[in-house]
C-alpha atoms as a PDB file:
ATOM      1  CA  MET A   1      -3.954  19.073  -0.664  1.00  0.00           C
ATOM      2  CA  ARG A   2      -3.175  18.624   2.999  1.00  0.00           C
ATOM      3  CA  LEU A   3      -0.144  16.566   3.984  1.00  0.00           C
ATOM      4  CA  ILE A   4       0.965  14.907   7.186  1.00  0.00           C
ATOM      5  CA  PHE A   5       4.723  14.555   7.530  1.00  0.00           C
ATOM      6  CA  ASP A   6       5.982  11.460   9.314  1.00  0.00           C
ATOM      7  CA  GLN A   7       8.337  11.606  12.275  1.00  0.00           C
ATOM      8  CA  ASN A   8      11.323  10.803  10.060  1.00  0.00           C
ATOM      9  CA  LEU A   9      10.884  14.176   8.314  1.00  0.00           C
ATOM     10  CA  SER A  10      11.518  17.633   9.694  1.00  0.00           C
ATOM     11  CA  PHE A  11       8.642  19.539  11.286  1.00  0.00           C
ATOM     12  CA  LYS A  12      10.009  22.587   9.434  1.00  0.00           C
ATOM     13  CA  LEU A  13       8.453  21.298   6.204  1.00  0.00           C
ATOM     14  CA  VAL A  14       5.043  22.415   7.463  1.00  0.00           C
ATOM     15  CA  SER A  15       6.073  26.075   7.465  1.00  0.00           C
ATOM     16  CA  THR A  16       8.375  26.025   4.445  1.00  0.00           C
ATOM     17  CA  LEU A  17       5.679  24.390   2.296  1.00  0.00           C
ATOM     18  CA  ALA A  18       2.693  26.284   3.729  1.00  0.00           C
ATOM     19  CA  ASP A  19       2.226  28.263   0.516  1.00  0.00           C
ATOM     20  CA  ALA A  20       2.112  25.121  -1.635  1.00  0.00           C
ATOM     21  CA  PHE A  21       0.389  22.737   0.799  1.00  0.00           C
ATOM     22  CA  PRO A  22      -1.630  24.841   3.261  1.00  0.00           C
ATOM     23  CA  ASP A  23      -3.001  23.309   6.445  1.00  0.00           C
ATOM     24  CA  SER A  24      -0.476  20.487   6.385  1.00  0.00           C
ATOM     25  CA  VAL A  25       0.793  19.091   9.687  1.00  0.00           C
ATOM     26  CA  HIS A  26       3.649  17.152  11.199  1.00  0.00           C
ATOM     27  CA  VAL A  27       2.909  14.152  13.407  1.00  0.00           C
ATOM     28  CA  ARG A  28       4.297  16.005  16.415  1.00  0.00           C
ATOM     29  CA  ASP A  29       1.783  18.842  15.835  1.00  0.00           C
ATOM     30  CA  VAL A  30      -1.131  16.465  16.333  1.00  0.00           C
ATOM     31  CA  GLY A  31       0.196  14.422  19.252  1.00  0.00           C
ATOM     32  CA  LEU A  32       1.456  11.513  17.155  1.00  0.00           C
ATOM     33  CA  ALA A  33       5.231  11.895  17.534  1.00  0.00           C
ATOM     34  CA  GLU A  34       5.469   8.574  19.374  1.00  0.00           C
ATOM     35  CA  ALA A  35       2.563   6.882  17.588  1.00  0.00           C
ATOM     36  CA  ASP A  36       2.930   3.697  15.617  1.00  0.00           C
ATOM     37  CA  ASP A  37       2.372   3.680  11.871  1.00  0.00           C
ATOM     38  CA  LEU A  38      -1.194   2.397  12.104  1.00  0.00           C
ATOM     39  CA  GLU A  39      -2.186   5.268  14.412  1.00  0.00           C
ATOM     40  CA  VAL A  40      -0.731   7.780  11.945  1.00  0.00           C
ATOM     41  CA  TRP A  41      -2.524   5.947   9.115  1.00  0.00           C
ATOM     42  CA  GLU A  42      -5.869   6.163  10.903  1.00  0.00           C
ATOM     43  CA  TYR A  43      -5.384   9.833  11.762  1.00  0.00           C
ATOM     44  CA  ALA A  44      -4.528  10.645   8.141  1.00  0.00           C
ATOM     45  CA  ARG A  45      -7.552   8.683   6.904  1.00  0.00           C
ATOM     46  CA  ASP A  46      -9.914  10.333   9.371  1.00  0.00           C
ATOM     47  CA  ASN A  47      -8.621  13.841   8.609  1.00  0.00           C
ATOM     48  CA  ASP A  48      -8.267  13.600   4.818  1.00  0.00           C
ATOM     49  CA  LEU A  49      -4.475  13.931   4.844  1.00  0.00           C
ATOM     50  CA  VAL A  50      -1.862  12.488   2.497  1.00  0.00           C
ATOM     51  CA  ILE A  51       0.993  10.789   4.371  1.00  0.00           C
ATOM     52  CA  VAL A  52       4.495  11.857   3.338  1.00  0.00           C
ATOM     53  CA  SER A  53       7.253   9.574   4.572  1.00  0.00           C
ATOM     54  CA  LYS A  54      10.625   8.035   3.807  1.00  0.00           C
ATOM     55  CA  ASP A  55       9.448   4.938   5.695  1.00  0.00           C
ATOM     56  CA  GLU A  56       8.719   1.847   3.603  1.00  0.00           C
ATOM     57  CA  ASP A  57       6.145   0.715   6.190  1.00  0.00           C
ATOM     58  CA  PHE A  58       3.570   3.216   4.918  1.00  0.00           C
ATOM     59  CA  HIS A  59       4.143   1.963   1.388  1.00  0.00           C
ATOM     60  CA  GLN A  60       3.412  -1.562   2.643  1.00  0.00           C
ATOM     61  CA  LEU A  61       0.304  -0.402   4.530  1.00  0.00           C
ATOM     62  CA  SER A  62      -0.996   1.130   1.321  1.00  0.00           C
ATOM     63  CA  PHE A  63      -0.874  -2.339  -0.287  1.00  0.00           C
ATOM     64  CA  LEU A  64      -2.454  -4.005   2.717  1.00  0.00           C
ATOM     65  CA  LEU A  65      -5.218  -1.495   3.489  1.00  0.00           C
ATOM     66  CA  GLY A  66      -5.575   0.558   0.298  1.00  0.00           C
ATOM     67  CA  PRO A  67      -6.623   4.182   0.226  1.00  0.00           C
ATOM     68  CA  PRO A  68      -7.582   6.323   1.935  1.00  0.00           C
ATOM     69  CA  PRO A  69      -5.220   7.684   3.005  1.00  0.00           C
ATOM     70  CA  GLN A  70      -2.842   8.049   0.138  1.00  0.00           C
ATOM     71  CA  VAL A  71       0.912   7.815   0.686  1.00  0.00           C
ATOM     72  CA  VAL A  72       3.775   9.752  -0.857  1.00  0.00           C
ATOM     73  CA  TRP A  73       6.882   7.652  -0.392  1.00  0.00           C
ATOM     74  CA  LEU A  74      10.063   9.725  -0.621  1.00  0.00           C
ATOM     75  CA  ARG A  75      12.899   7.703  -2.133  1.00  0.00           C
ATOM     76  CA  LEU A  76      15.534  10.410  -2.042  1.00  0.00           C
ATOM     77  CA  GLY A  77      18.275   8.670  -0.060  1.00  0.00           C
ATOM     78  CA  ASN A  78      20.303  10.801   2.296  1.00  0.00           C
ATOM     79  CA  CYS A  79      19.101  14.320   1.705  1.00  0.00           C
ATOM     80  CA  THR A  80      18.428  17.594   3.425  1.00  0.00           C
ATOM     81  CA  THR A  81      15.094  19.076   4.394  1.00  0.00           C
ATOM     82  CA  THR A  82      15.636  21.582   1.586  1.00  0.00           C
ATOM     83  CA  ASP A  83      16.024  18.695  -0.879  1.00  0.00           C
ATOM     84  CA  ILE A  84      12.696  17.273   0.297  1.00  0.00           C
ATOM     85  CA  GLU A  85      11.021  20.670   0.042  1.00  0.00           C
ATOM     86  CA  GLU A  86      12.341  21.124  -3.500  1.00  0.00           C
ATOM     87  CA  ALA A  87      11.236  17.622  -4.543  1.00  0.00           C
ATOM     88  CA  LEU A  88       7.705  18.212  -3.255  1.00  0.00           C
ATOM     89  CA  ARG A  89       7.498  21.627  -4.916  1.00  0.00           C
ATOM     90  CA  ALA A  90       8.790  20.238  -8.221  1.00  0.00           C
ATOM     91  CA  SER A  91       6.177  17.466  -8.042  1.00  0.00           C
ATOM     92  CA  ARG A  92       3.152  19.635  -7.218  1.00  0.00           C
ATOM     93  CA  PHE A  93       1.326  18.818 -10.444  1.00  0.00           C
ATOM     94  CA  ASP A  94       2.062  15.094 -10.134  1.00  0.00           C
ATOM     95  CA  LEU A  95       0.857  15.232  -6.533  1.00  0.00           C
ATOM     96  CA  ALA A  96      -2.357  16.990  -7.544  1.00  0.00           C
ATOM     97  CA  GLU A  97      -3.026  14.375 -10.214  1.00  0.00           C
ATOM     98  CA  PHE A  98      -2.275  11.591  -7.729  1.00  0.00           C
ATOM     99  CA  ARG A  99      -4.600  13.164  -5.162  1.00  0.00           C
ATOM    100  CA  SER A 100      -7.454  13.279  -7.655  1.00  0.00           C
ATOM    101  CA  ASP A 101      -7.170   9.520  -8.290  1.00  0.00           C
ATOM    102  CA  SER A 102      -9.405   8.000  -5.617  1.00  0.00           C
ATOM    103  CA  GLU A 103      -7.891   4.572  -6.244  1.00  0.00           C
ATOM    104  CA  GLY A 104      -4.260   5.727  -6.150  1.00  0.00           C
ATOM    105  CA  ALA A 105      -2.671   4.261  -3.034  1.00  0.00           C
ATOM    106  CA  PHE A 106       0.894   5.549  -3.212  1.00  0.00           C
ATOM    107  CA  LEU A 107       3.203   7.737  -5.205  1.00  0.00           C
ATOM    108  CA  ILE A 108       6.955   7.302  -5.202  1.00  0.00           C
ATOM    109  CA  LEU A 109       9.036  10.475  -5.452  1.00  0.00           C
ATOM    110  CA  GLY A 110      12.687   9.916  -6.173  1.00  0.00           C
ATOM    111  CA  LYS A 111      14.649   6.889  -7.225  1.00  0.00           C
ATOM    112  CA  VAL A 112      12.761   3.804  -8.305  1.00  0.00           C
ATOM    113  CA  GLU A 113      15.011   0.764  -8.124  1.00  0.00           C
ATOM    114  CA  ALA A 114      14.788  -1.887 -10.811  1.00  0.00           C
ATOM    115  CA  GLY A 115      13.456  -5.143  -9.599  1.00  0.00           C
END
């Protein structure tokens, strides 16, 4: 599974998670550091990448446009890059199952608030 990390996440995740998610990228690595969400969405769709973000906008785009691409929405609050790395590693099997569901639009990792 290849991931694309949004600008609100550290570029260091690409290297620290390379063993678990090889060939992943950060938006800055592909010239999208200043891109709007729709440009990142289209790049992820065209390059078979799963978007990882703390930004609710990608969650909303997944409702509006549907997959692909799929979105992993990190709901971890204030946290470190290490916390994000650990959450993604701990969720590898859930992520693999999510990735295999062609109709799965988004996966929330972290706190799910009651409605």
